[in-house]
């Protein structure tokens, strides 16, 4: 990643936000106005969220596994909460919501 990469710049902008040991800062969006708007997640949950999302470089945000753009923090948090309750690999649970 080069210095102009939005992900790198967002990570730098949010680096001062404390995350408890064993947790990560998760950017739900890499749009500049959201660079400091992070969700603190335990490392295992952060990894799981990324397994069930697809990064959309054009929108600088994530999509669900079914292609729905998570274009607000509220929508992202709702989706993550669902992802974190399902058994790994059981996509049918996600189809009910999006």
N, C-alpha and C. Protein backbone atom coordinates (compact mmCIF):
# COMPACT_ATOMS: atom_id res chain seq x y z
N UNK A 1 0.84 -1.19 0.00
CA UNK A 1 0.00 0.00 0.00
C UNK A 1 0.88 1.24 0.00
N UNK A 2 0.54 2.16 -0.87
CA UNK A 2 1.31 3.40 -0.87
C UNK A 2 0.66 4.42 0.07
N UNK A 3 1.35 5.52 0.29
CA UNK A 3 0.89 6.53 1.26
C UNK A 3 -0.43 7.17 0.86
N UNK A 4 -0.79 7.13 -0.42
CA UNK A 4 -2.05 7.72 -0.84
C UNK A 4 -3.23 6.76 -0.71
N UNK A 5 -2.97 5.53 -0.33
CA UNK A 5 -4.00 4.51 -0.17
C UNK A 5 -4.94 4.89 0.97
N UNK A 6 -6.26 4.92 0.72
CA UNK A 6 -7.20 5.30 1.77
C UNK A 6 -7.12 4.41 3.02
N UNK A 7 -6.86 3.13 2.84
CA UNK A 7 -6.77 2.24 4.01
C UNK A 7 -5.60 2.65 4.90
N UNK A 8 -4.46 2.91 4.30
CA UNK A 8 -3.28 3.32 5.08
C UNK A 8 -3.54 4.64 5.78
N UNK A 9 -4.12 5.59 5.07
CA UNK A 9 -4.38 6.91 5.65
C UNK A 9 -5.41 6.81 6.77
N UNK A 10 -6.43 5.98 6.60
CA UNK A 10 -7.43 5.78 7.65
C UNK A 10 -6.81 5.13 8.88
N UNK A 11 -5.97 4.13 8.66
CA UNK A 11 -5.31 3.47 9.79
C UNK A 11 -4.44 4.45 10.55
N UNK A 12 -3.76 5.31 9.84
CA UNK A 12 -2.93 6.32 10.49
C UNK A 12 -3.79 7.31 11.28
N UNK A 13 -4.89 7.76 10.69
CA UNK A 13 -5.78 8.72 11.35
C UNK A 13 -6.40 8.16 12.62
N UNK A 14 -6.64 6.84 12.64
CA UNK A 14 -7.29 6.21 13.79
C UNK A 14 -6.30 5.58 14.77
N UNK A 15 -5.03 5.68 14.50
CA UNK A 15 -4.03 4.99 15.32
C UNK A 15 -4.02 5.45 16.78
N UNK A 16 -4.51 6.65 17.05
CA UNK A 16 -4.53 7.17 18.42
C UNK A 16 -5.74 6.66 19.22
N UNK A 17 -6.69 6.03 18.56
CA UNK A 17 -7.89 5.53 19.24
C UNK A 17 -7.51 4.25 19.97
N UNK A 18 -7.69 4.23 21.30
CA UNK A 18 -7.26 3.05 22.05
C UNK A 18 -8.11 1.81 21.74
N UNK A 19 -7.43 0.69 21.67
CA UNK A 19 -8.09 -0.61 21.52
C UNK A 19 -7.53 -1.50 22.62
N UNK A 20 -8.40 -2.10 23.41
CA UNK A 20 -7.91 -2.97 24.49
C UNK A 20 -7.05 -4.10 23.94
N UNK A 21 -6.16 -4.61 24.79
CA UNK A 21 -5.32 -5.73 24.39
C UNK A 21 -6.22 -6.87 23.91
N UNK A 22 -5.86 -7.45 22.79
CA UNK A 22 -6.64 -8.53 22.21
C UNK A 22 -7.76 -8.05 21.30
N UNK A 23 -7.78 -6.75 21.02
CA UNK A 23 -8.80 -6.17 20.16
C UNK A 23 -8.16 -5.40 19.01
N UNK A 24 -8.95 -5.18 17.98
CA UNK A 24 -8.52 -4.40 16.82
C UNK A 24 -9.51 -3.27 16.56
N UNK A 25 -9.03 -2.23 15.89
CA UNK A 25 -9.89 -1.17 15.38
C UNK A 25 -10.33 -1.61 13.98
N UNK A 26 -11.63 -1.63 13.75
CA UNK A 26 -12.15 -2.03 12.43
C UNK A 26 -12.80 -0.82 11.77
N UNK A 27 -12.33 -0.50 10.57
CA UNK A 27 -12.95 0.55 9.77
C UNK A 27 -14.10 -0.07 8.98
N UNK A 28 -15.29 0.41 9.22
CA UNK A 28 -16.43 -0.06 8.43
C UNK A 28 -16.47 0.65 7.08
N UNK A 29 -15.75 1.79 6.97
CA UNK A 29 -15.68 2.58 5.75
C UNK A 29 -14.31 3.24 5.69
N UNK A 30 -13.80 3.39 4.47
CA UNK A 30 -12.53 4.09 4.28
C UNK A 30 -12.73 5.44 3.58
N UNK A 31 -13.96 5.93 3.56
CA UNK A 31 -14.19 7.29 3.08
C UNK A 31 -13.55 8.24 4.09
N UNK A 32 -12.97 9.33 3.61
CA UNK A 32 -12.20 10.22 4.48
C UNK A 32 -12.97 10.69 5.71
N UNK A 33 -14.25 10.98 5.56
CA UNK A 33 -15.02 11.46 6.71
C UNK A 33 -15.24 10.38 7.78
N UNK A 34 -14.89 9.14 7.47
CA UNK A 34 -15.06 8.03 8.42
C UNK A 34 -13.73 7.49 8.95
N UNK A 35 -12.63 8.12 8.62
CA UNK A 35 -11.33 7.57 9.00
C UNK A 35 -11.18 7.35 10.50
N UNK A 36 -11.79 8.18 11.31
CA UNK A 36 -11.67 8.02 12.77
C UNK A 36 -12.87 7.32 13.38
N UNK A 37 -13.77 6.84 12.55
CA UNK A 37 -14.98 6.14 12.99
C UNK A 37 -14.74 4.64 12.91
N UNK A 38 -14.24 4.09 13.98
CA UNK A 38 -13.90 2.67 14.00
C UNK A 38 -14.75 1.91 15.00
N UNK A 39 -14.84 0.62 14.78
CA UNK A 39 -15.55 -0.28 15.68
C UNK A 39 -14.49 -1.16 16.33
N UNK A 40 -14.47 -1.19 17.65
CA UNK A 40 -13.50 -2.01 18.38
C UNK A 40 -14.05 -3.43 18.48
N UNK A 41 -13.27 -4.38 18.00
CA UNK A 41 -13.67 -5.79 17.99
C UNK A 41 -12.56 -6.67 18.53
N UNK A 42 -12.91 -7.72 19.28
CA UNK A 42 -11.89 -8.71 19.62
C UNK A 42 -11.29 -9.27 18.33
N UNK A 43 -10.05 -9.65 18.37
CA UNK A 43 -9.34 -10.09 17.17
C UNK A 43 -10.08 -11.20 16.42
N UNK A 44 -10.58 -12.21 17.13
CA UNK A 44 -11.28 -13.31 16.47
C UNK A 44 -12.54 -12.82 15.76
N UNK A 45 -13.26 -11.90 16.39
CA UNK A 45 -14.47 -11.35 15.76
C UNK A 45 -14.11 -10.49 14.55
N UNK A 46 -13.02 -9.75 14.66
CA UNK A 46 -12.57 -8.92 13.53
C UNK A 46 -12.26 -9.81 12.33
N UNK A 47 -11.56 -10.90 12.57
CA UNK A 47 -11.24 -11.84 11.49
C UNK A 47 -12.52 -12.42 10.87
N UNK A 48 -13.50 -12.76 11.72
CA UNK A 48 -14.74 -13.35 11.23
C UNK A 48 -15.51 -12.33 10.39
N UNK A 49 -15.57 -11.08 10.83
CA UNK A 49 -16.24 -10.03 10.06
C UNK A 49 -15.62 -9.93 8.67
N UNK A 50 -14.30 -10.00 8.59
CA UNK A 50 -13.65 -9.92 7.28
C UNK A 50 -13.90 -11.15 6.42
N UNK A 51 -14.10 -12.30 7.03
CA UNK A 51 -14.41 -13.50 6.25
C UNK A 51 -15.77 -13.38 5.56
N UNK A 52 -16.67 -12.59 6.15
CA UNK A 52 -18.03 -12.48 5.64
C UNK A 52 -18.31 -11.13 4.98
N UNK A 53 -17.27 -10.41 4.61
CA UNK A 53 -17.45 -9.15 3.88
C UNK A 53 -16.50 -9.11 2.69
N UNK A 54 -16.85 -8.25 1.74
CA UNK A 54 -16.05 -8.07 0.52
C UNK A 54 -15.77 -6.57 0.40
N UNK A 55 -14.51 -6.21 0.26
CA UNK A 55 -14.16 -4.80 0.15
C UNK A 55 -14.47 -4.28 -1.25
N UNK A 56 -15.19 -3.17 -1.32
CA UNK A 56 -15.55 -2.51 -2.57
C UNK A 56 -14.64 -1.29 -2.74
N UNK A 57 -13.61 -1.41 -3.57
CA UNK A 57 -12.63 -0.33 -3.75
C UNK A 57 -13.26 0.94 -4.31
N UNK A 58 -14.26 0.80 -5.13
CA UNK A 58 -14.90 1.97 -5.73
C UNK A 58 -15.62 2.81 -4.67
N UNK A 59 -16.31 2.16 -3.75
CA UNK A 59 -17.07 2.87 -2.72
C UNK A 59 -16.29 3.05 -1.42
N UNK A 60 -15.13 2.40 -1.30
CA UNK A 60 -14.29 2.45 -0.11
C UNK A 60 -15.03 1.93 1.13
N UNK A 61 -15.92 0.98 0.89
CA UNK A 61 -16.71 0.37 1.96
C UNK A 61 -16.82 -1.12 1.69
N UNK A 62 -17.43 -1.82 2.63
CA UNK A 62 -17.58 -3.26 2.49
C UNK A 62 -18.97 -3.63 2.00
N UNK A 63 -19.05 -4.81 1.44
CA UNK A 63 -20.32 -5.41 1.02
C UNK A 63 -20.53 -6.71 1.78
N UNK A 64 -21.78 -7.10 1.93
CA UNK A 64 -22.10 -8.40 2.50
C UNK A 64 -21.68 -9.48 1.51
N UNK A 65 -21.73 -10.71 1.93
CA UNK A 65 -21.39 -11.81 1.02
C UNK A 65 -22.39 -11.90 -0.13
N UNK A 66 -23.54 -11.23 0.02
CA UNK A 66 -24.56 -11.22 -1.03
C UNK A 66 -24.54 -9.94 -1.84
N UNK A 67 -23.54 -9.08 -1.61
CA UNK A 67 -23.37 -7.90 -2.44
C UNK A 67 -24.01 -6.62 -1.97
N UNK A 68 -24.64 -6.61 -0.80
CA UNK A 68 -25.26 -5.39 -0.28
C UNK A 68 -24.18 -4.47 0.29
N UNK A 69 -24.16 -3.21 -0.16
CA UNK A 69 -23.18 -2.25 0.32
C UNK A 69 -23.53 -1.83 1.74
N UNK A 70 -22.56 -1.94 2.64
CA UNK A 70 -22.73 -1.53 4.03
C UNK A 70 -22.32 -0.06 4.12
N UNK A 71 -23.24 0.81 3.74
CA UNK A 71 -22.91 2.22 3.57
C UNK A 71 -23.22 3.12 4.76
N UNK A 72 -23.50 2.51 5.91
CA UNK A 72 -23.64 3.28 7.15
C UNK A 72 -23.09 2.43 8.28
N UNK A 73 -22.65 3.09 9.32
CA UNK A 73 -22.14 2.36 10.48
C UNK A 73 -23.24 1.47 11.06
N UNK A 74 -24.45 2.00 11.12
CA UNK A 74 -25.57 1.24 11.68
C UNK A 74 -25.82 -0.05 10.90
N UNK A 75 -25.82 0.04 9.60
CA UNK A 75 -26.03 -1.15 8.77
C UNK A 75 -24.87 -2.13 8.94
N UNK A 76 -23.65 -1.62 8.97
CA UNK A 76 -22.49 -2.48 9.17
C UNK A 76 -22.57 -3.19 10.52
N UNK A 77 -22.89 -2.46 11.57
CA UNK A 77 -22.98 -3.07 12.90
C UNK A 77 -24.08 -4.12 12.96
N UNK A 78 -25.20 -3.85 12.31
CA UNK A 78 -26.29 -4.83 12.27
C UNK A 78 -25.83 -6.12 11.58
N UNK A 79 -25.16 -5.96 10.46
CA UNK A 79 -24.66 -7.12 9.72
C UNK A 79 -23.61 -7.87 10.53
N UNK A 80 -22.67 -7.15 11.14
CA UNK A 80 -21.63 -7.81 11.93
C UNK A 80 -22.23 -8.59 13.10
N UNK A 81 -23.23 -8.02 13.75
CA UNK A 81 -23.87 -8.71 14.87
C UNK A 81 -24.45 -10.05 14.42
N UNK A 82 -25.01 -10.06 13.24
CA UNK A 82 -25.58 -11.31 12.71
C UNK A 82 -24.47 -12.28 12.36
N UNK A 83 -23.46 -11.80 11.68
CA UNK A 83 -22.31 -12.64 11.29
C UNK A 83 -21.71 -13.31 12.52
N UNK A 84 -21.61 -12.57 13.61
CA UNK A 84 -20.95 -13.10 14.80
C UNK A 84 -21.78 -14.14 15.53
N UNK A 85 -23.06 -14.29 15.18
CA UNK A 85 -23.90 -15.29 15.84
C UNK A 85 -24.03 -16.58 15.04
N UNK A 86 -23.59 -16.57 13.78
CA UNK A 86 -23.78 -17.77 12.97
C UNK A 86 -22.55 -18.66 13.04
N UNK A 87 -22.79 -19.91 12.77
CA UNK A 87 -21.71 -20.88 12.71
C UNK A 87 -20.93 -20.63 11.43
N UNK A 88 -19.62 -20.70 11.50
CA UNK A 88 -18.78 -20.47 10.32
C UNK A 88 -19.23 -21.33 9.15
N UNK A 89 -19.36 -20.69 7.98
CA UNK A 89 -19.69 -21.41 6.76
C UNK A 89 -21.17 -21.58 6.50
N UNK A 90 -22.02 -21.13 7.42
CA UNK A 90 -23.46 -21.29 7.24
C UNK A 90 -24.04 -20.00 6.67
N UNK A 91 -23.93 -19.82 5.36
CA UNK A 91 -24.37 -18.58 4.71
C UNK A 91 -25.88 -18.43 4.70
N UNK A 92 -26.63 -19.52 4.83
CA UNK A 92 -28.09 -19.43 4.74
C UNK A 92 -28.66 -18.49 5.80
N UNK A 93 -28.02 -18.37 6.93
CA UNK A 93 -28.49 -17.45 7.97
C UNK A 93 -28.44 -16.01 7.49
N UNK A 94 -27.48 -15.67 6.66
CA UNK A 94 -27.34 -14.31 6.16
C UNK A 94 -28.40 -14.00 5.10
N UNK A 95 -28.86 -14.98 4.37
CA UNK A 95 -29.82 -14.76 3.32
C UNK A 95 -31.16 -14.25 3.87
N UNK A 96 -31.44 -14.53 5.12
CA UNK A 96 -32.71 -14.12 5.72
C UNK A 96 -32.79 -12.62 5.92
N UNK A 97 -31.65 -11.94 5.97
CA UNK A 97 -31.64 -10.54 6.36
C UNK A 97 -31.33 -9.57 5.25
N UNK A 98 -30.53 -9.95 4.27
CA UNK A 98 -30.12 -9.00 3.26
C UNK A 98 -30.42 -9.49 1.87
